[in-house]
């Protein structure tokens, strides 16, 4: 769990900026997007197959 405690004279904007930086370092956003909706096994296979095809295209 990412946590940021603002300092005495620190503004809310800078604390929010630090929080966003910590969240991006921890890799929470991609994980959150992945778990936003339930994915059936069929959808998961399709997503992985598409990713494989894209990866093969980049190599060629």
PDB file of N, CA and C in Angstrom:
ATOM      1  N   UNK A   1       0.842  -1.167   0.000  1.00  0.00           N
ATOM      2  CA  UNK A   1       0.000   0.000   0.000  1.00  0.00           C
ATOM      3  C   UNK A   1       0.893   1.237   0.000  1.00  0.00           C
ATOM      4  N   UNK A   2       0.679   2.095  -0.939  1.00  0.00           N
ATOM      5  CA  UNK A   2       1.446   3.330  -1.052  1.00  0.00           C
ATOM      6  C   UNK A   2       0.856   4.381  -0.126  1.00  0.00           C
ATOM      7  N   UNK A   3       1.742   5.043   0.603  1.00  0.00           N
ATOM      8  CA  UNK A   3       1.288   6.030   1.561  1.00  0.00           C
ATOM      9  C   UNK A   3       2.230   7.219   1.537  1.00  0.00           C
ATOM     10  N   UNK A   4       1.660   8.429   1.552  1.00  0.00           N
ATOM     11  CA  UNK A   4       2.447   9.660   1.568  1.00  0.00           C
ATOM     12  C   UNK A   4       1.932  10.533   2.699  1.00  0.00           C
ATOM     13  N   UNK A   5       2.828  10.937   3.582  1.00  0.00           N
ATOM     14  CA  UNK A   5       2.450  11.816   4.682  1.00  0.00           C
ATOM     15  C   UNK A   5       2.974  13.208   4.366  1.00  0.00           C
ATOM     16  N   UNK A   6       2.079  14.188   4.198  1.00  0.00           N
ATOM     17  CA  UNK A   6       2.527  15.543   3.858  1.00  0.00           C
ATOM     18  C   UNK A   6       3.280  16.184   5.022  1.00  0.00           C
ATOM     19  N   UNK A   7       4.292  16.978   4.682  1.00  0.00           N
ATOM     20  CA  UNK A   7       5.074  17.672   5.693  1.00  0.00           C
ATOM     21  C   UNK A   7       4.313  18.860   6.256  1.00  0.00           C
ATOM     22  N   UNK A   8       4.919  19.515   7.250  1.00  0.00           N
ATOM     23  CA  UNK A   8       4.282  20.658   7.924  1.00  0.00           C
ATOM     24  C   UNK A   8       3.913  21.773   6.947  1.00  0.00           C
ATOM     25  N   UNK A   9       4.896  22.222   6.162  1.00  0.00           N
ATOM     26  CA  UNK A   9       4.649  23.360   5.273  1.00  0.00           C
ATOM     27  C   UNK A   9       4.454  22.937   3.813  1.00  0.00           C
ATOM     28  N   UNK A  10       4.243  21.635   3.595  1.00  0.00           N
ATOM     29  CA  UNK A  10       4.078  21.126   2.229  1.00  0.00           C
ATOM     30  C   UNK A  10       2.636  21.326   1.756  1.00  0.00           C
ATOM     31  N   UNK A  11       2.492  21.806   0.540  1.00  0.00           N
ATOM     32  CA  UNK A  11       1.160  22.004  -0.025  1.00  0.00           C
ATOM     33  C   UNK A  11       0.548  20.695  -0.478  1.00  0.00           C
ATOM     34  N   UNK A  12      -0.755  20.701  -0.657  1.00  0.00           N
ATOM     35  CA  UNK A  12      -1.475  19.498  -1.081  1.00  0.00           C
ATOM     36  C   UNK A  12      -1.075  19.086  -2.491  1.00  0.00           C
ATOM     37  N   UNK A  13      -0.752  20.075  -3.344  1.00  0.00           N
ATOM     38  CA  UNK A  13      -0.366  19.762  -4.728  1.00  0.00           C
ATOM     39  C   UNK A  13       0.937  18.965  -4.771  1.00  0.00           C
ATOM     40  N   UNK A  14       1.916  19.370  -3.976  1.00  0.00           N
ATOM     41  CA  UNK A  14       3.197  18.653  -3.994  1.00  0.00           C
ATOM     42  C   UNK A  14       3.057  17.274  -3.355  1.00  0.00           C
ATOM     43  N   UNK A  15       2.217  17.154  -2.335  1.00  0.00           N
ATOM     44  CA  UNK A  15       1.984  15.845  -1.723  1.00  0.00           C
ATOM     45  C   UNK A  15       1.279  14.918  -2.714  1.00  0.00           C
ATOM     46  N   UNK A  16       0.338  15.467  -3.470  1.00  0.00           N
ATOM     47  CA  UNK A  16      -0.359  14.670  -4.476  1.00  0.00           C
ATOM     48  C   UNK A  16       0.602  14.236  -5.578  1.00  0.00           C
ATOM     49  N   UNK A  17       1.503  15.122  -5.957  1.00  0.00           N
ATOM     50  CA  UNK A  17       2.508  14.801  -6.970  1.00  0.00           C
ATOM     51  C   UNK A  17       3.408  13.654  -6.484  1.00  0.00           C
ATOM     52  N   UNK A  18       3.832  13.736  -5.196  1.00  0.00           N
ATOM     53  CA  UNK A  18       4.651  12.660  -4.626  1.00  0.00           C
ATOM     54  C   UNK A  18       3.882  11.351  -4.593  1.00  0.00           C
ATOM     55  N   UNK A  19       2.593  11.415  -4.242  1.00  0.00           N
ATOM     56  CA  UNK A  19       1.768  10.212  -4.196  1.00  0.00           C
ATOM     57  C   UNK A  19       1.668   9.570  -5.574  1.00  0.00           C
ATOM     58  N   UNK A  20       1.418  10.381  -6.594  1.00  0.00           N
ATOM     59  CA  UNK A  20       1.315   9.859  -7.961  1.00  0.00           C
ATOM     60  C   UNK A  20       2.624   9.200  -8.393  1.00  0.00           C
ATOM     61  N   UNK A  21       3.749   9.802  -8.020  1.00  0.00           N
ATOM     62  CA  UNK A  21       5.051   9.246  -8.365  1.00  0.00           C
ATOM     63  C   UNK A  21       5.255   7.889  -7.685  1.00  0.00           C
ATOM     64  N   UNK A  22       4.875   7.789  -6.416  1.00  0.00           N
ATOM     65  CA  UNK A  22       5.012   6.528  -5.680  1.00  0.00           C
ATOM     66  C   UNK A  22       4.116   5.440  -6.271  1.00  0.00           C
ATOM     67  N   UNK A  23       2.900   5.817  -6.651  1.00  0.00           N
ATOM     68  CA  UNK A  23       1.963   4.851  -7.237  1.00  0.00           C
ATOM     69  C   UNK A  23       2.503   4.339  -8.571  1.00  0.00           C
ATOM     70  N   UNK A  24       3.074   5.229  -9.385  1.00  0.00           N
ATOM     71  CA  UNK A  24       3.602   4.793 -10.676  1.00  0.00           C
ATOM     72  C   UNK A  24       4.840   3.914 -10.488  1.00  0.00           C
ATOM     73  N   UNK A  25       5.659   4.193  -9.483  1.00  0.00           N
ATOM     74  CA  UNK A  25       6.825   3.346  -9.200  1.00  0.00           C
ATOM     75  C   UNK A  25       6.394   1.952  -8.765  1.00  0.00           C
ATOM     76  N   UNK A  26       5.327   1.885  -7.974  1.00  0.00           N
ATOM     77  CA  UNK A  26       4.856   0.599  -7.460  1.00  0.00           C
ATOM     78  C   UNK A  26       4.145  -0.223  -8.527  1.00  0.00           C
ATOM     79  N   UNK A  27       3.760   0.391  -9.645  1.00  0.00           N
ATOM     80  CA  UNK A  27       3.088  -0.341 -10.721  1.00  0.00           C
ATOM     81  C   UNK A  27       1.655  -0.689 -10.394  1.00  0.00           C
ATOM     82  N   UNK A  28       0.980   0.184  -9.682  1.00  0.00           N
ATOM     83  CA  UNK A  28      -0.392  -0.091  -9.251  1.00  0.00           C
ATOM     84  C   UNK A  28      -1.397   0.134 -10.371  1.00  0.00           C
ATOM     85  N   UNK A  29      -1.189   1.146 -11.215  1.00  0.00           N
ATOM     86  CA  UNK A  29      -2.165   1.469 -12.252  1.00  0.00           C
ATOM     87  C   UNK A  29      -2.375   0.346 -13.263  1.00  0.00           C
ATOM     88  N   UNK A  30      -1.320  -0.243 -13.822  1.00  0.00           N
ATOM     89  CA  UNK A  30      -1.579  -1.353 -14.761  1.00  0.00           C
ATOM     90  C   UNK A  30      -2.318  -2.516 -14.097  1.00  0.00           C
ATOM     91  N   UNK A  31      -1.971  -2.809 -12.853  1.00  0.00           N
ATOM     92  CA  UNK A  31      -2.637  -3.882 -12.127  1.00  0.00           C
ATOM     93  C   UNK A  31      -4.103  -3.535 -11.882  1.00  0.00           C
ATOM     94  N   UNK A  32      -4.362  -2.287 -11.548  1.00  0.00           N
ATOM     95  CA  UNK A  32      -5.729  -1.842 -11.297  1.00  0.00           C
ATOM     96  C   UNK A  32      -6.567  -1.947 -12.570  1.00  0.00           C
ATOM     97  N   UNK A  33      -6.001  -1.526 -13.698  1.00  0.00           N
ATOM     98  CA  UNK A  33      -6.733  -1.600 -14.960  1.00  0.00           C
ATOM     99  C   UNK A  33      -7.033  -3.048 -15.329  1.00  0.00           C
ATOM    100  N   UNK A  34      -6.080  -3.939 -15.046  1.00  0.00           N
ATOM    101  CA  UNK A  34      -6.261  -5.344 -15.382  1.00  0.00           C
ATOM    102  C   UNK A  34      -7.386  -5.973 -14.559  1.00  0.00           C
ATOM    103  N   UNK A  35      -7.538  -5.565 -13.309  1.00  0.00           N
ATOM    104  CA  UNK A  35      -8.527  -6.156 -12.421  1.00  0.00           C
ATOM    105  C   UNK A  35      -9.807  -5.334 -12.298  1.00  0.00           C
ATOM    106  N   UNK A  36      -9.988  -4.360 -13.163  1.00  0.00           N
ATOM    107  CA  UNK A  36     -11.164  -3.491 -13.067  1.00  0.00           C
ATOM    108  C   UNK A  36     -12.454  -4.276 -13.315  1.00  0.00           C
ATOM    109  N   UNK A  37     -12.448  -5.191 -14.292  1.00  0.00           N
ATOM    110  CA  UNK A  37     -13.636  -5.983 -14.624  1.00  0.00           C
ATOM    111  C   UNK A  37     -13.253  -7.455 -14.613  1.00  0.00           C
ATOM    112  N   UNK A  38     -14.238  -8.301 -14.322  1.00  0.00           N
ATOM    113  CA  UNK A  38     -13.991  -9.735 -14.358  1.00  0.00           C
ATOM    114  C   UNK A  38     -13.756 -10.170 -15.801  1.00  0.00           C
ATOM    115  N   UNK A  39     -12.776 -11.020 -15.974  1.00  0.00           N
ATOM    116  CA  UNK A  39     -12.418 -11.507 -17.302  1.00  0.00           C
ATOM    117  C   UNK A  39     -12.633 -13.020 -17.341  1.00  0.00           C
ATOM    118  N   UNK A  40     -13.462 -13.474 -18.270  1.00  0.00           N
ATOM    119  CA  UNK A  40     -13.717 -14.906 -18.379  1.00  0.00           C
ATOM    120  C   UNK A  40     -12.471 -15.592 -18.941  1.00  0.00           C
ATOM    121  N   UNK A  41     -12.346 -16.900 -18.752  1.00  0.00           N
ATOM    122  CA  UNK A  41     -11.192 -17.609 -19.296  1.00  0.00           C
ATOM    123  C   UNK A  41     -11.058 -17.454 -20.810  1.00  0.00           C
ATOM    124  N   UNK A  42     -12.187 -17.403 -21.530  1.00  0.00           N
ATOM    125  CA  UNK A  42     -12.145 -17.221 -22.973  1.00  0.00           C
ATOM    126  C   UNK A  42     -11.561 -15.850 -23.327  1.00  0.00           C
ATOM    127  N   UNK A  43     -12.003 -14.813 -22.618  1.00  0.00           N
ATOM    128  CA  UNK A  43     -11.473 -13.468 -22.868  1.00  0.00           C
ATOM    129  C   UNK A  43      -9.979 -13.397 -22.562  1.00  0.00           C
ATOM    130  N   UNK A  44      -9.566 -14.094 -21.514  1.00  0.00           N
ATOM    131  CA  UNK A  44      -8.152 -14.100 -21.138  1.00  0.00           C
ATOM    132  C   UNK A  44      -7.310 -14.758 -22.234  1.00  0.00           C
ATOM    133  N   UNK A  45      -7.800 -15.886 -22.795  1.00  0.00           N
ATOM    134  CA  UNK A  45      -7.067 -16.556 -23.876  1.00  0.00           C
ATOM    135  C   UNK A  45      -6.971 -15.663 -25.103  1.00  0.00           C
ATOM    136  N   UNK A  46      -8.089 -14.985 -25.432  1.00  0.00           N
ATOM    137  CA  UNK A  46      -8.083 -14.088 -26.589  1.00  0.00           C
ATOM    138  C   UNK A  46      -7.086 -12.959 -26.398  1.00  0.00           C
ATOM    139  N   UNK A  47      -7.067 -12.356 -25.202  1.00  0.00           N
ATOM    140  CA  UNK A  47      -6.161 -11.245 -24.922  1.00  0.00           C
ATOM    141  C   UNK A  47      -4.702 -11.698 -25.035  1.00  0.00           C
ATOM    142  N   UNK A  48      -4.407 -12.880 -24.502  1.00  0.00           N
ATOM    143  CA  UNK A  48      -3.039 -13.390 -24.568  1.00  0.00           C
ATOM    144  C   UNK A  48      -2.638 -13.726 -26.002  1.00  0.00           C
ATOM    145  N   UNK A  49      -3.573 -14.261 -26.796  1.00  0.00           N
ATOM    146  CA  UNK A  49      -3.274 -14.586 -28.190  1.00  0.00           C
ATOM    147  C   UNK A  49      -3.001 -13.314 -28.990  1.00  0.00           C
ATOM    148  N   UNK A  50      -3.776 -12.284 -28.749  1.00  0.00           N
ATOM    149  CA  UNK A  50      -3.561 -11.007 -29.441  1.00  0.00           C
ATOM    150  C   UNK A  50      -2.208 -10.421 -29.052  1.00  0.00           C
ATOM    151  N   UNK A  51      -1.871 -10.505 -27.779  1.00  0.00           N
ATOM    152  CA  UNK A  51      -0.576  -9.986 -27.317  1.00  0.00           C
ATOM    153  C   UNK A  51       0.576 -10.750 -27.960  1.00  0.00           C
ATOM    154  N   UNK A  52       0.407 -12.060 -28.120  1.00  0.00           N
ATOM    155  CA  UNK A  52       1.446 -12.872 -28.763  1.00  0.00           C
ATOM    156  C   UNK A  52       1.638 -12.457 -30.216  1.00  0.00           C
ATOM    157  N   UNK A  53       0.501 -12.237 -30.907  1.00  0.00           N
ATOM    158  CA  UNK A  53       0.583 -11.818 -32.303  1.00  0.00           C
ATOM    159  C   UNK A  53       1.288 -10.472 -32.428  1.00  0.00           C
ATOM    160  N   UNK A  54       0.960  -9.550 -31.570  1.00  0.00           N
ATOM    161  CA  UNK A  54       1.604  -8.231 -31.598  1.00  0.00           C
ATOM    162  C   UNK A  54       3.096  -8.345 -31.331  1.00  0.00           C
ATOM    163  N   UNK A  55       3.450  -9.213 -30.392  1.00  0.00           N
ATOM    164  CA  UNK A  55       4.864  -9.394 -30.059  1.00  0.00           C
ATOM    165  C   UNK A  55       5.626 -10.006 -31.241  1.00  0.00           C
ATOM    166  N   UNK A  56       5.012 -10.964 -31.918  1.00  0.00           N
ATOM    167  CA  UNK A  56       5.658 -11.574 -33.091  1.00  0.00           C
ATOM    168  C   UNK A  56       5.852 -10.570 -34.213  1.00  0.00           C
ATOM    169  N   UNK A  57       4.859  -9.676 -34.403  1.00  0.00           N
ATOM    170  CA  UNK A  57       4.957  -8.657 -35.436  1.00  0.00           C
ATOM    171  C   UNK A  57       6.121  -7.707 -35.170  1.00  0.00           C
ATOM    172  N   UNK A  58       6.321  -7.363 -33.921  1.00  0.00           N
ATOM    173  CA  UNK A  58       7.410  -6.439 -33.570  1.00  0.00           C
ATOM    174  C   UNK A  58       8.770  -7.055 -33.835  1.00  0.00           C
ATOM    175  N   UNK A  59       8.891  -8.350 -33.648  1.00  0.00           N
ATOM    176  CA  UNK A  59      10.188  -9.034 -33.853  1.00  0.00           C
ATOM    177  C   UNK A  59      10.549  -9.126 -35.320  1.00  0.00           C
ATOM    178  N   UNK A  60       9.573  -9.315 -36.166  1.00  0.00           N
ATOM    179  CA  UNK A  60       9.827  -9.540 -37.597  1.00  0.00           C
ATOM    180  C   UNK A  60      10.247  -8.289 -38.323  1.00  0.00           C
TER     181      UNK A  60
END
